[in-house]
Every structure is written in C-alpha cells, then in structure tokens.
C-alpha cells in the first residue's frame, strides 16, 4: 500500500506519530524520575521487599499458568493431531469473542458448585488464565501441524512409523518453533492481564503488577513513586519475554508476521450467506434487544460501550491504513509489547492531568480512551492487514498510474475492493475486543463514564452476579452479531 510517498514526508509523518503516541507521553512519565532519584525514596521503593515480592508473584503465577496450559494443550494436540474434529476447533475459535469476565463468572460459579469457600485468590486467577489460554495454544498448535508437508508424513508412514513415532518424530518437531512463539505471547498476555486479576484476586496481596499500577494512581491518593516502580518491574519482565521471542524467531527463522496472520486469516475466512448464519444473526439481535428492554439499567452502559467500541475500532483501522498508505507502518511495531496499563499510565500522565479542570472533562476523557484503545489495537491490526494489503497490490495499480490516475484513486479503485472484506472483518473482531475492554477505561474514568465492560466488572465487585451475567451475555450476543454480520459480506 506504500504509494511512493517521498521520503521526507514519510519521515515527518512517522516522527509526528511517534512523538504524539509514544515519545511525549513516556517523556512526561519519566521526567519526574531525576527529581525522585535525588533522595533514596525511589530506590528504596523499587527494591523494597513488597515490590520485589509482587514482581515475583506476577512472574511465578504466569509461569505456573503457562506450564498447566502447555500440559493440557499437549495432551489435546496428541489426541487431535492429523484428525479433523470441526466441533472442537469451532469451540476453540469462539474464544476470540468470549470476554474474560465470562471466564471469571464461570470460575466463581464452578468453585461455588464444588463447595469451595475461598473462591478468590491466585488459584482462581491461574484457573481463569488456563481456561483462556488452552484453546488459543491448542488451536495454534493444530494449525502448525496442519502446515506440515503431507509428503513428509507419507514418507514416515511408508517407512513404517507408528502414530506415536509420527507425532514425536515429525509433527512435534516441525511445529514446535511456532508453538514456542505462541507460548511466549501467551505468557505476555498473562503478565498484562487486568480484568481477571481485578475480579478474581480479591485485592492485595493477590494481585499482579498490572493491577498494582492501576491501584497506585486511580484512587484519591496518587502514589506516583509506587506506580513507576511497578511499571519498571513490569517493563523488565516484558523485555525478558520480548527478548526470548526474538531469540526464538532468529533461531527458527520465523517471520515476525507468521504468528497472528495465519491465525486470524483462518478465522476470517468469509462465509457466504447461509440459512443457519442468518438465523444466528437474527436470534442474537432479538435476544440482545429483549435483554436490554427487560433490564433498563444496562441501557446506558450498552450505548456507551457500543459507541466506544465503534470509535476505537474505526480509529485503529483508519490509523493502520493511514500508516500503510505512507509506508511507515513499521513505526507502530514499538507499541506491540508495551503493557496496556503502562501505556495508559503514560497517556494519563501526559494528557489526562492537563484536561482535569476542563468543564468538558468527561467527553475529553472519553476521547482519550478511544485514542489509547485504538493505539493498543494498532500493532495487531497492522500485523493482520499488512500481508493482505501487500498481496492485493497488483500490476493494475501501476497501469492506472501510467494512464494518469492519482495514487489514492488507483488504490481506491483497484486495491480497496480486494481487501475490503478482510478489513471489515478485522473491524468486527477489534470491536468485540473493545466492547469488553476494562483496563484502559477505568484509569481515565472515575464513575461518569461506564461502558458495558466496566459496568460488568463493577457489578462483579459489588457481588451482583445476576446483573453481571446479563451484561456478559450482552457482550457475547453483540459480538456474535457484529462478527457474523461482517462475515456475510463476501
């Protein structure tokens, strides 16, 4: 999609984007560090027993969850490898639209059914992480096995290899480099998990660094030093994870885009309208409407959530297309491995404090939430759309340019019709994620702005389980409605 924009313009746009999105917010966040270093308070807090212990708890809990996830996924893959079980794979694919808050409700309900009294704590968090992680890792692993060359499989069978030997000697060896990358990304998601920890942890000491950052700055007494110390430890852990992934990629000759492109492309294979699909869309729409009518308290959160999700996903898609148009989409890669809470904290420090006294503070805070969410989704949007847009570029664009058509007109007439279905589908997926997003909203809002995801979490924290179930089912129904309606447009 890079339409030969002159390099000076490209560099200028890239500089402005990085300055507004990354450099200025983080400069404002770290600008207070030199003054803190004059005394011993900052160092004492950074290396204090409480902070170091919280960093260790975060790392240990994520590692335990990853080990359990790997064990369960390995067992499932061993049973399902080279066999096609559409029902199981379809069930795993539904995790893309299942909000974490639903998993929290399932964990709490399951423990209550089993008679477990202490239902909150690190054990509940780890169980929820495993439930969220197993489908993703298993599905990615199975797809990596599906990519193994059939000729090699036939050769192994011709030589008399048993199913066990085929799996351990070929399929496992060929798929494991990609599985390592999947595991590293899963570990990263465990480290930055927010809503599950906030709901199931029950408060200190059963929390992680991500939640501790929010707790240090959200309440009336802002503890900036503690928030920065938690952020530094979080960045340190994420840097280790990112470095390990880079080592794996170099060692296994993996491209940076291999991980999510195939995963999302297979999910986004557009289906033609079928009777079952139409019925699913209609049933989801009618059910969501009836739930809102009979539960009027959820009406305002639904409207706020839909508006926020639409604005965030639209801005994210627009920014990704803008950056690809100028050929500078690589500048957004730097946002991929930043903790959502740390990124939100930087924007809160840089922009939110400036507009706090404004009479239009509520609307301006909502605009900041939209911007932060769009930027956090941006790297994944580019990772999905980049290969698709590059494959769509053909000689027809060069021919139109030769005939005198402008850059944008040639792109709009030739390339856009080819990529529009995938772009619309990506919009619906980001929309479903944004509808249940919590961490980037509550940092900027103190009660005036309560979209659907935040409303569900607040109901859980108030032990109003019935209302939380209603909100969670609405998130699922609205997500199904959006994604399936986008899939129909082939």
Foldseek 3Di string as FASTA:
>chain_A
DALCDDPVVLVVVLVVVCVVQPVLLVCLLCVCVVVVVVDCVLVCLLPPPLLVVQLVVLLVLLVVLLVVLVVVLVVVCLVCAPHDDPVLLVVLLLLLLQDLLVLLLVQQVVCVVVVNDLSAFSVSLSVSLSVSRNSQLNNLLNVQLVPPDVVVLVVCVVVPDDSVCSCVVPSCVRRVLLSVLSSLVSSLCSQQDDLSQVLRHLDPPRHHLNPQLLVQDQDPHHNSSNNVSSQVSSVVVLVVSVVVSVVSCVVVVNDPLVRCQVVVVVVLQFDADDPVLVVLLVVLVVVLVVLCVVPVVQVVQAVLLLVLLLLLLVLLLVVLVVSVHNPNLVSLLVLARRRLSVSLSSCCSSPLVVCVVPPCSVVVLSVVLSVSSSSNCNVVSNSHCVVQQVVQDDCQLVVVVVVPDDSVVSCVVRRCVSCVLVSQLSSLSSSLVSSQDDSSNSSSDDPPRRHLNNVLSVCSVVVVSVVNVSSSSSSSSVSSNSNSVSSNPD
